Amino acid sequence: MDWIALFNMQKQLDSYIEENHGLRKADLFEKKVLALLVELGELANETRCFKFWSKKPRNNQSVILEEYVDVIHFLMSIGINKGYDSFESKTNHNINSSEVVQFQIVYEQTIIYKNEPTKAKYEQLFSSCINLGNILGFSEEDIQRAYLEKNEINYKRQNQGY
């Protein structure tokens, strides 16, 4: 996975949004962390992995992937905010967590990173998000393709006054 290219694209999108919304000098870290947590919740909702009371099936993989990529957008953005603009992919194919447990791990590590935004904490958070994607059935190629598609949509939305 070419994370450097995706981080560069995310930097450009973040700059574009900040410029268009007059936020060049604003500290957006707390808002971006909350956005990441909200996107994680939206992703969990689409998987329905925690809805033990419901018989309704999970949404299709394309919808889940789109929500997952929203998580990746904010994950990269909160790293960029603190000067971390790369990730060394260490795919772990031996993940024994359930979706529910992995969501909880990502939530916990997001808060840990918020409170201690070090490179090591960011790497742990990023790895956990990638592990979540693997548990959800997404390859790095799936993630990269979906990121590129969603990035294009995000620019269109900005240009339409989203």
C-alpha atoms as a PDB file:
ATOM      1  CA  MET A   1       0.000   0.000   0.000  1.00  0.00           C
ATOM      2  CA  ASP A   2       1.321   3.418  -0.919  1.00  0.00           C
ATOM      3  CA  TRP A   3       0.475   5.206   2.314  1.00  0.00           C
ATOM      4  CA  ILE A   4       2.739   8.148   1.486  1.00  0.00           C
ATOM      5  CA  ALA A   5       0.641   8.969  -1.582  1.00  0.00           C
ATOM      6  CA  LEU A   6      -2.583   8.699   0.443  1.00  0.00           C
ATOM      7  CA  PHE A   7      -1.180  10.893   3.217  1.00  0.00           C
ATOM      8  CA  ASN A   8      -0.199  13.488   0.601  1.00  0.00           C
ATOM      9  CA  MET A   9      -3.710  13.383  -0.833  1.00  0.00           C
ATOM     10  CA  GLN A  10      -5.156  13.780   2.661  1.00  0.00           C
ATOM     11  CA  LYS A  11      -2.884  16.766   3.370  1.00  0.00           C
ATOM     12  CA  GLN A  12      -4.124  18.402   0.174  1.00  0.00           C
ATOM     13  CA  LEU A  13      -7.764  17.726   1.064  1.00  0.00           C
ATOM     14  CA  ASP A  14      -7.286  19.022   4.619  1.00  0.00           C
ATOM     15  CA  SER A  15      -5.619  22.188   3.279  1.00  0.00           C
ATOM     16  CA  TYR A  16      -8.363  22.663   0.719  1.00  0.00           C
ATOM     17  CA  ILE A  17     -11.073  22.363   3.384  1.00  0.00           C
ATOM     18  CA  GLU A  18      -9.235  24.625   5.826  1.00  0.00           C
ATOM     19  CA  GLU A  19      -8.714  27.257   3.134  1.00  0.00           C
ATOM     20  CA  ASN A  20     -12.326  27.161   1.921  1.00  0.00           C
ATOM     21  CA  HIS A  21     -13.705  27.373   5.459  1.00  0.00           C
ATOM     22  CA  GLY A  22     -11.309  29.992   6.803  1.00  0.00           C
ATOM     23  CA  LEU A  23      -9.678  27.541   9.202  1.00  0.00           C
ATOM     24  CA  ARG A  24      -5.995  27.936   8.295  1.00  0.00           C
ATOM     25  CA  LYS A  25      -4.966  28.885  11.823  1.00  0.00           C
ATOM     26  CA  ALA A  26      -7.580  26.867  13.721  1.00  0.00           C
ATOM     27  CA  ASP A  27      -6.594  23.958  15.951  1.00  0.00           C
ATOM     28  CA  LEU A  28      -8.891  21.228  14.660  1.00  0.00           C
ATOM     29  CA  PHE A  29      -7.364  18.265  16.513  1.00  0.00           C
ATOM     30  CA  GLU A  30     -10.196  17.785  19.041  1.00  0.00           C
ATOM     31  CA  LYS A  31     -12.853  18.109  16.330  1.00  0.00           C
ATOM     32  CA  LYS A  32     -11.035  15.662  14.079  1.00  0.00           C
ATOM     33  CA  VAL A  33     -10.740  13.144  16.918  1.00  0.00           C
ATOM     34  CA  LEU A  34     -14.469  13.429  17.566  1.00  0.00           C
ATOM     35  CA  ALA A  35     -15.125  13.062  13.829  1.00  0.00           C
ATOM     36  CA  LEU A  36     -13.038   9.881  13.836  1.00  0.00           C
ATOM     37  CA  LEU A  37     -15.039   8.483  16.758  1.00  0.00           C
ATOM     38  CA  VAL A  38     -18.327   9.359  15.031  1.00  0.00           C
ATOM     39  CA  GLU A  39     -17.171   7.719  11.794  1.00  0.00           C
ATOM     40  CA  LEU A  40     -16.198   4.600  13.764  1.00  0.00           C
ATOM     41  CA  GLY A  41     -19.722   4.548  15.180  1.00  0.00           C
ATOM     42  CA  GLU A  42     -21.241   4.908  11.729  1.00  0.00           C
ATOM     43  CA  LEU A  43     -19.053   2.053  10.519  1.00  0.00           C
ATOM     44  CA  ALA A  44     -20.077  -0.164  13.447  1.00  0.00           C
ATOM     45  CA  ASN A  45     -23.706   0.667  12.741  1.00  0.00           C
ATOM     46  CA  GLU A  46     -23.366  -0.514   9.129  1.00  0.00           C
ATOM     47  CA  THR A  47     -21.785  -3.810  10.237  1.00  0.00           C
ATOM     48  CA  ARG A  48     -24.492  -4.292  12.886  1.00  0.00           C
ATOM     49  CA  CYS A  49     -21.920  -6.450  14.712  1.00  0.00           C
ATOM     50  CA  PHE A  50     -23.139  -5.291  18.123  1.00  0.00           C
ATOM     51  CA  LYS A  51     -26.887  -5.439  17.433  1.00  0.00           C
ATOM     52  CA  PHE A  52     -27.599  -8.741  19.169  1.00  0.00           C
ATOM     53  CA  TRP A  53     -31.273  -7.813  19.457  1.00  0.00           C
ATOM     54  CA  SER A  54     -31.825  -7.472  15.719  1.00  0.00           C
ATOM     55  CA  LYS A  55     -32.211 -10.028  12.948  1.00  0.00           C
ATOM     56  CA  LYS A  56     -31.687  -7.461  10.219  1.00  0.00           C
ATOM     57  CA  PRO A  57     -28.536  -8.333   8.225  1.00  0.00           C
ATOM     58  CA  ARG A  58     -25.450  -6.154   7.975  1.00  0.00           C
ATOM     59  CA  ASN A  59     -25.210  -3.741   5.094  1.00  0.00           C
ATOM     60  CA  ASN A  60     -23.406  -4.820   1.938  1.00  0.00           C
ATOM     61  CA  GLN A  61     -19.608  -4.740   1.805  1.00  0.00           C
ATOM     62  CA  SER A  62     -19.462  -1.735  -0.514  1.00  0.00           C
ATOM     63  CA  VAL A  63     -21.337   0.433   2.008  1.00  0.00           C
ATOM     64  CA  ILE A  64     -19.206  -0.871   4.863  1.00  0.00           C
ATOM     65  CA  LEU A  65     -16.028  -0.179   2.867  1.00  0.00           C
ATOM     66  CA  GLU A  66     -17.138   3.390   2.148  1.00  0.00           C
ATOM     67  CA  GLU A  67     -17.717   3.969   5.872  1.00  0.00           C
ATOM     68  CA  TYR A  68     -14.385   2.352   6.686  1.00  0.00           C
ATOM     69  CA  VAL A  69     -12.615   4.719   4.295  1.00  0.00           C
ATOM     70  CA  ASP A  70     -14.240   7.674   6.079  1.00  0.00           C
ATOM     71  CA  VAL A  71     -12.500   6.376   9.204  1.00  0.00           C
ATOM     72  CA  ILE A  72      -9.200   6.227   7.290  1.00  0.00           C
ATOM     73  CA  HIS A  73      -9.622   9.840   6.113  1.00  0.00           C
ATOM     74  CA  PHE A  74      -9.943  11.129   9.684  1.00  0.00           C
ATOM     75  CA  LEU A  75      -7.308   8.716  10.980  1.00  0.00           C
ATOM     76  CA  MET A  76      -4.768  10.183   8.567  1.00  0.00           C
ATOM     77  CA  SER A  77      -5.976  13.710   9.267  1.00  0.00           C
ATOM     78  CA  ILE A  78      -5.400  13.441  13.035  1.00  0.00           C
ATOM     79  CA  GLY A  79      -1.913  12.124  12.376  1.00  0.00           C
ATOM     80  CA  ILE A  80      -1.115  14.893   9.928  1.00  0.00           C
ATOM     81  CA  ASN A  81      -2.368  17.378  12.515  1.00  0.00           C
ATOM     82  CA  LYS A  82       0.468  16.266  14.819  1.00  0.00           C
ATOM     83  CA  GLY A  83       3.114  15.984  12.099  1.00  0.00           C
ATOM     84  CA  TYR A  84       2.825  12.252  11.367  1.00  0.00           C
ATOM     85  CA  ASP A  85       2.471  11.784   7.655  1.00  0.00           C
ATOM     86  CA  SER A  86       3.307   8.169   7.015  1.00  0.00           C
ATOM     87  CA  PHE A  87       2.507   4.674   8.152  1.00  0.00           C
ATOM     88  CA  GLU A  88       4.581   1.546   7.750  1.00  0.00           C
ATOM     89  CA  SER A  89       2.052  -1.152   6.925  1.00  0.00           C
ATOM     90  CA  LYS A  90       2.502  -4.178   9.151  1.00  0.00           C
ATOM     91  CA  THR A  91      -0.470  -6.273   8.150  1.00  0.00           C
ATOM     92  CA  ASN A  92      -1.411  -8.798  10.806  1.00  0.00           C
ATOM     93  CA  HIS A  93      -3.263 -11.719   9.266  1.00  0.00           C
ATOM     94  CA  ASN A  94      -3.480 -13.614  12.569  1.00  0.00           C
ATOM     95  CA  ILE A  95      -6.053 -11.402  14.228  1.00  0.00           C
ATOM     96  CA  ASN A  96      -8.161 -13.271  16.737  1.00  0.00           C
ATOM     97  CA  SER A  97     -10.427 -10.395  17.740  1.00  0.00           C
ATOM     98  CA  SER A  98     -14.088 -10.277  16.898  1.00  0.00           C
ATOM     99  CA  GLU A  99     -15.430  -7.206  15.125  1.00  0.00           C
ATOM    100  CA  VAL A 100     -16.904  -5.970  18.413  1.00  0.00           C
ATOM    101  CA  VAL A 101     -13.624  -6.321  20.301  1.00  0.00           C
ATOM    102  CA  GLN A 102     -11.631  -4.719  17.493  1.00  0.00           C
ATOM    103  CA  PHE A 103     -14.007  -1.740  17.364  1.00  0.00           C
ATOM    104  CA  GLN A 104     -13.506  -1.327  21.113  1.00  0.00           C
ATOM    105  CA  ILE A 105      -9.727  -1.494  20.697  1.00  0.00           C
ATOM    106  CA  VAL A 106      -9.826   1.230  18.046  1.00  0.00           C
ATOM    107  CA  TYR A 107     -12.077   3.425  20.226  1.00  0.00           C
ATOM    108  CA  GLU A 108      -9.750   2.961  23.214  1.00  0.00           C
ATOM    109  CA  GLN A 109      -6.623   3.662  21.209  1.00  0.00           C
ATOM    110  CA  THR A 110      -8.198   6.779  19.701  1.00  0.00           C
ATOM    111  CA  ILE A 111      -8.733   8.202  23.201  1.00  0.00           C
ATOM    112  CA  ILE A 112      -5.241   7.135  24.281  1.00  0.00           C
ATOM    113  CA  TYR A 113      -3.783   8.916  21.248  1.00  0.00           C
ATOM    114  CA  LYS A 114      -5.923  12.004  21.887  1.00  0.00           C
ATOM    115  CA  ASN A 115      -4.506  12.224  25.402  1.00  0.00           C
ATOM    116  CA  GLU A 116      -0.931  11.363  24.412  1.00  0.00           C
ATOM    117  CA  PRO A 117      -0.438  12.167  20.710  1.00  0.00           C
ATOM    118  CA  THR A 118       2.942  10.509  20.223  1.00  0.00           C
ATOM    119  CA  LYS A 119       4.145   8.783  17.081  1.00  0.00           C
ATOM    120  CA  ALA A 120       4.143   5.423  18.915  1.00  0.00           C
ATOM    121  CA  LYS A 121       0.499   5.860  20.015  1.00  0.00           C
ATOM    122  CA  TYR A 122      -0.447   6.911  16.501  1.00  0.00           C
ATOM    123  CA  GLU A 123       1.216   3.826  15.009  1.00  0.00           C
ATOM    124  CA  GLN A 124      -0.703   1.623  17.469  1.00  0.00           C
ATOM    125  CA  LEU A 125      -3.985   3.323  16.577  1.00  0.00           C
ATOM    126  CA  PHE A 126      -3.298   3.085  12.857  1.00  0.00           C
ATOM    127  CA  SER A 127      -2.393  -0.611  13.117  1.00  0.00           C
ATOM    128  CA  SER A 128      -5.597  -1.288  15.022  1.00  0.00           C
ATOM    129  CA  CYS A 129      -7.632   0.439  12.310  1.00  0.00           C
ATOM    130  CA  ILE A 130      -5.913  -1.617   9.630  1.00  0.00           C
ATOM    131  CA  ASN A 131      -6.587  -4.753  11.673  1.00  0.00           C
ATOM    132  CA  LEU A 132     -10.250  -3.743  11.842  1.00  0.00           C
ATOM    133  CA  GLY A 133     -10.297  -3.434   8.060  1.00  0.00           C
ATOM    134  CA  ASN A 134      -8.780  -6.887   7.758  1.00  0.00           C
ATOM    135  CA  ILE A 135     -11.392  -8.340  10.106  1.00  0.00           C
ATOM    136  CA  LEU A 136     -14.083  -6.668   7.993  1.00  0.00           C
ATOM    137  CA  GLY A 137     -12.645  -8.441   4.955  1.00  0.00           C
ATOM    138  CA  PHE A 138     -10.848  -5.591   3.184  1.00  0.00           C
ATOM    139  CA  SER A 139      -7.515  -5.916   1.416  1.00  0.00           C
ATOM    140  CA  GLU A 140      -5.061  -3.049   1.142  1.00  0.00           C
ATOM    141  CA  GLU A 141      -6.030  -2.798  -2.518  1.00  0.00           C
ATOM    142  CA  ASP A 142      -9.715  -2.464  -1.577  1.00  0.00           C
ATOM    143  CA  ILE A 143      -8.876   0.271   0.906  1.00  0.00           C
ATOM    144  CA  GLN A 144      -6.665   2.216  -1.487  1.00  0.00           C
ATOM    145  CA  ARG A 145      -9.178   2.053  -4.339  1.00  0.00           C
ATOM    146  CA  ALA A 146     -12.047   3.114  -2.076  1.00  0.00           C
ATOM    147  CA  TYR A 147      -9.961   5.912  -0.560  1.00  0.00           C
ATOM    148  CA  LEU A 148      -9.207   7.323  -4.005  1.00  0.00           C
ATOM    149  CA  GLU A 149     -12.891   7.191  -4.959  1.00  0.00           C
ATOM    150  CA  LYS A 150     -14.032   8.811  -1.699  1.00  0.00           C
ATOM    151  CA  ASN A 151     -11.349  11.492  -1.905  1.00  0.00           C
ATOM    152  CA  GLU A 152     -12.741  12.536  -5.278  1.00  0.00           C
ATOM    153  CA  ILE A 153     -16.270  12.618  -3.821  1.00  0.00           C
ATOM    154  CA  ASN A 154     -15.042  14.743  -0.900  1.00  0.00           C
ATOM    155  CA  TYR A 155     -13.652  17.372  -3.279  1.00  0.00           C
ATOM    156  CA  LYS A 156     -16.919  17.421  -5.246  1.00  0.00           C
ATOM    157  CA  ARG A 157     -18.865  17.886  -2.022  1.00  0.00           C
ATOM    158  CA  GLN A 158     -16.619  20.772  -0.968  1.00  0.00           C
ATOM    159  CA  ASN A 159     -17.082  22.428  -4.343  1.00  0.00           C
ATOM    160  CA  GLN A 160     -20.859  22.072  -4.006  1.00  0.00           C
ATOM    161  CA  GLY A 161     -20.968  23.768  -0.601  1.00  0.00           C
ATOM    162  CA  TYR A 162     -21.215  20.612   1.519  1.00  0.00           C
END
